[in-house]
Amino acid sequence: MSEMSAFERLEKQLALIVEIDQLKAVLRRTRVKSDDGRLENSAEHSWQVALMALLLEEHANEPVDIAKVVKMLLLHDVVEIDAGDTFVYDLEAAKLQPEKELKAAKRIFGMLPVDQRDVLMSLWLEFEAGETPEARYGKALDRMLPMLLNYHSEGQSWKEYGVRYDQALTINGKIEKGSALLWEKVQMMLSEAVEKGWLKK
């Protein structure tokens, strides 16, 4: 069997690029303050958290390969095209999410030439496992960003969904694994959110 031509590879790559356009239609729970309070989509979240990784690299607990972190953050939510976005405080839905997301990752990355599929799948799995310095830092940012935006919109989704302080503390506790300093800042913000009545005590 002959090797895939450059043109055939290109066709597969372009097919995936068109496929991931659907990520722009996957809505999250965070609202875009500067745009009439509409819900942000997963593509916007991926872009913002990847930029966040570049800006805050110095605060990672361990030295990281920042290019790898950015790749992980741009890839990790692509699976939401099939699996949807799960609200971080919906613990029942979260139990089903890993299986749905793995199936989605296999389908979506499977559209690519095999070598590229394997590289991206490996990065996605590494991020999900959360065991390398890059994955720990990336996961910390992925957890912190919605909380940061929520804080700056006066607790919009916390109030909307009746989130309690203890829930926010538990869910966001994983941030410490990637950055002790960011976790310190998060705890300060959560305490202030309680004082301001944005989070239930």
Protein backbone atom coordinates (compact mmCIF):
# COMPACT_ATOMS: atom_id res chain seq x y z
CA MET A 1 0.00 0.00 0.00
CA SER A 2 1.44 3.39 -0.98
CA GLU A 3 2.07 6.09 1.60
CA MET A 4 -0.51 8.83 1.88
CA SER A 5 0.29 11.75 -0.43
CA ALA A 6 0.77 15.29 0.89
CA PHE A 7 -2.53 16.22 -0.73
CA GLU A 8 -4.39 13.36 0.98
CA ARG A 9 -2.90 14.38 4.33
CA LEU A 10 -3.99 17.95 3.70
CA GLU A 11 -7.56 16.84 2.93
CA LYS A 12 -7.77 14.98 6.26
CA GLN A 13 -6.30 17.91 8.20
CA LEU A 14 -8.68 20.38 6.57
CA ALA A 15 -11.62 18.10 7.34
CA LEU A 16 -10.73 18.25 11.03
CA ILE A 17 -10.33 22.04 10.93
CA VAL A 18 -13.84 22.32 9.49
CA GLU A 19 -15.14 19.80 12.07
CA ILE A 20 -13.80 21.78 15.04
CA ASP A 21 -15.70 24.85 13.88
CA GLN A 22 -18.58 23.23 15.79
CA LEU A 23 -16.81 24.03 19.06
CA LYS A 24 -17.94 27.64 18.58
CA ALA A 25 -21.52 26.44 19.09
CA VAL A 26 -20.87 24.58 22.39
CA LEU A 27 -22.09 26.92 25.12
CA ARG A 28 -20.66 27.08 28.63
CA ARG A 29 -22.16 28.52 31.86
CA THR A 30 -19.92 31.60 32.01
CA ARG A 31 -21.28 34.80 30.52
CA VAL A 32 -19.32 37.25 28.37
CA LYS A 33 -19.55 40.47 30.34
CA SER A 34 -18.53 42.71 27.43
CA ASP A 35 -21.13 41.22 25.06
CA ASP A 36 -24.55 41.68 26.65
CA GLY A 37 -24.01 38.79 29.02
CA ARG A 38 -24.28 36.08 26.34
CA LEU A 39 -22.89 32.66 27.24
CA GLU A 40 -19.29 32.06 26.15
CA ASN A 41 -18.56 29.12 23.90
CA SER A 42 -15.90 26.43 24.33
CA ALA A 43 -13.72 27.76 21.51
CA GLU A 44 -13.50 31.13 23.27
CA HIS A 45 -12.63 29.40 26.53
CA SER A 46 -9.85 27.36 24.86
CA TRP A 47 -8.30 30.47 23.33
CA GLN A 48 -8.41 32.42 26.59
CA VAL A 49 -7.01 29.64 28.77
CA ALA A 50 -4.16 29.01 26.28
CA LEU A 51 -3.24 32.71 26.42
CA MET A 52 -3.52 32.57 30.22
CA ALA A 53 -0.94 29.74 30.22
CA LEU A 54 1.56 31.91 28.34
CA LEU A 55 1.04 34.89 30.64
CA LEU A 56 1.20 33.03 33.96
CA GLU A 57 3.91 30.45 33.20
CA GLU A 58 6.21 31.86 35.92
CA HIS A 59 3.64 30.85 38.56
CA ALA A 60 3.61 27.12 37.73
CA ASN A 61 4.82 24.97 40.63
CA GLU A 62 7.39 23.30 38.36
CA PRO A 63 9.15 24.31 35.13
CA VAL A 64 6.93 23.44 32.15
CA ASP A 65 7.23 23.12 28.39
CA ILE A 66 4.88 26.01 27.66
CA ALA A 67 4.34 25.05 24.01
CA LYS A 68 3.11 21.66 25.19
CA VAL A 69 0.78 23.27 27.76
CA VAL A 70 -0.70 25.55 25.09
CA LYS A 71 -1.24 22.59 22.74
CA MET A 72 -3.01 20.66 25.51
CA LEU A 73 -5.26 23.59 26.35
CA LEU A 74 -6.19 24.17 22.70
CA LEU A 75 -6.98 20.46 22.28
CA HIS A 76 -8.59 19.43 25.56
CA ASP A 77 -12.13 20.73 24.92
CA VAL A 78 -12.38 19.69 21.25
CA VAL A 79 -14.18 16.58 22.52
CA GLU A 80 -17.09 18.78 23.63
CA ILE A 81 -18.24 18.80 19.99
CA ASP A 82 -19.63 15.32 20.71
CA ALA A 83 -19.70 15.14 24.52
CA GLY A 84 -20.95 18.64 25.33
CA ASP A 85 -19.76 20.81 28.21
CA THR A 86 -20.36 19.50 31.72
CA PHE A 87 -21.00 22.08 34.43
CA VAL A 88 -18.19 21.65 36.93
CA TYR A 89 -20.62 21.56 39.88
CA ASP A 90 -22.84 18.86 38.31
CA LEU A 91 -21.19 15.86 39.98
CA GLU A 92 -23.64 13.30 38.55
CA ALA A 93 -23.03 14.39 34.95
CA ALA A 94 -19.28 14.47 35.65
CA LYS A 95 -19.31 10.71 36.36
CA LEU A 96 -20.40 9.97 32.77
CA GLN A 97 -18.16 12.55 31.11
CA PRO A 98 -14.82 10.65 30.91
CA GLU A 99 -16.31 7.81 28.85
CA LYS A 100 -18.18 10.21 26.55
CA GLU A 101 -15.08 12.35 26.06
CA LEU A 102 -12.78 9.40 25.32
CA LYS A 103 -15.19 8.18 22.63
CA ALA A 104 -15.31 11.71 21.19
CA ALA A 105 -11.50 12.04 21.23
CA LYS A 106 -11.11 8.78 19.31
CA ARG A 107 -13.60 9.89 16.66
CA ILE A 108 -12.36 13.46 16.26
CA PHE A 109 -8.61 12.84 16.33
CA GLY A 110 -9.26 9.73 14.23
CA MET A 111 -10.09 12.02 11.31
CA LEU A 112 -6.38 12.86 11.01
CA PRO A 113 -3.49 10.96 9.41
CA VAL A 114 -2.43 8.20 11.83
CA ASP A 115 0.84 9.80 12.99
CA GLN A 116 -0.88 13.09 13.80
CA ARG A 117 -3.84 11.30 15.37
CA ASP A 118 -1.51 9.45 17.73
CA VAL A 119 0.38 12.60 18.79
CA LEU A 120 -2.79 14.58 19.53
CA MET A 121 -4.48 11.66 21.27
CA SER A 122 -1.41 11.21 23.44
CA LEU A 123 -1.42 14.90 24.42
CA TRP A 124 -5.14 14.78 25.17
CA LEU A 125 -4.75 11.67 27.36
CA GLU A 126 -1.78 13.20 29.19
CA PHE A 127 -3.84 16.29 30.00
CA GLU A 128 -6.78 14.19 31.20
CA ALA A 129 -4.52 12.09 33.46
CA GLY A 130 -3.16 15.28 35.06
CA GLU A 131 0.09 13.68 36.21
CA THR A 132 2.84 15.62 34.38
CA PRO A 133 3.93 19.18 35.29
CA GLU A 134 2.36 20.45 32.04
CA ALA A 135 -0.96 18.72 32.68
CA ARG A 136 -1.09 19.85 36.31
CA TYR A 137 -0.42 23.47 35.33
CA GLY A 138 -2.85 23.35 32.41
CA LYS A 139 -5.60 21.81 34.55
CA ALA A 140 -5.06 24.47 37.22
CA LEU A 141 -5.65 27.22 34.67
CA ASP A 142 -8.62 25.41 33.12
CA ARG A 143 -10.19 25.30 36.58
CA MET A 144 -9.23 28.85 37.56
CA LEU A 145 -10.39 30.72 34.44
CA PRO A 146 -14.17 30.18 34.85
CA MET A 147 -13.83 31.02 38.55
CA LEU A 148 -11.91 34.22 37.73
CA LEU A 149 -14.50 35.32 35.17
CA ASN A 150 -17.31 34.44 37.58
CA TYR A 151 -15.71 36.52 40.32
CA HIS A 152 -15.42 39.49 37.95
CA SER A 153 -19.09 39.20 36.97
CA GLU A 154 -20.21 39.36 40.63
CA GLY A 155 -20.66 35.61 40.94
CA GLN A 156 -23.06 35.27 38.00
CA SER A 157 -23.14 31.48 37.66
CA TRP A 158 -22.59 30.85 41.40
CA LYS A 159 -25.75 32.87 42.10
CA GLU A 160 -27.60 31.42 39.09
CA TYR A 161 -26.97 27.82 40.20
CA GLY A 162 -26.91 28.31 44.00
CA VAL A 163 -23.27 27.28 44.43
CA ARG A 164 -21.94 27.18 48.01
CA TYR A 165 -18.52 28.25 49.26
CA ASP A 166 -17.57 24.72 50.32
CA GLN A 167 -18.41 23.41 46.82
CA ALA A 168 -16.31 26.12 45.16
CA LEU A 169 -13.42 25.41 47.53
CA THR A 170 -13.53 21.65 46.87
CA ILE A 171 -13.95 21.89 43.09
CA ASN A 172 -11.19 24.48 42.73
CA GLY A 173 -8.79 22.80 45.19
CA LYS A 174 -7.06 21.03 42.30
CA ILE A 175 -5.56 24.38 41.27
CA GLU A 176 -2.95 23.97 44.01
CA LYS A 177 -1.40 20.98 42.18
CA GLY A 178 -0.44 23.28 39.29
CA SER A 179 0.26 26.53 41.11
CA ALA A 180 0.36 27.22 44.84
CA LEU A 181 0.30 30.98 44.21
CA LEU A 182 -2.80 30.82 41.98
CA TRP A 183 -4.52 28.68 44.61
CA GLU A 184 -3.71 31.29 47.26
CA LYS A 185 -5.28 33.98 45.04
CA VAL A 186 -8.34 31.79 44.36
CA GLN A 187 -8.95 31.25 48.08
CA MET A 188 -8.84 35.02 48.63
CA MET A 189 -11.37 35.58 45.82
CA LEU A 190 -13.70 32.87 47.13
CA SER A 191 -13.64 34.38 50.63
CA GLU A 192 -14.43 37.80 49.18
CA ALA A 193 -17.25 36.27 47.13
CA VAL A 194 -18.83 34.98 50.35
CA GLU A 195 -18.51 38.41 52.00
CA LYS A 196 -20.17 40.04 49.00
CA GLY A 197 -22.99 37.48 48.97
CA TRP A 198 -22.08 35.95 45.62
CA LEU A 199 -21.42 32.52 47.13
CA LYS A 200 -23.63 30.87 49.74
CA LYS A 201 -21.89 30.12 53.02
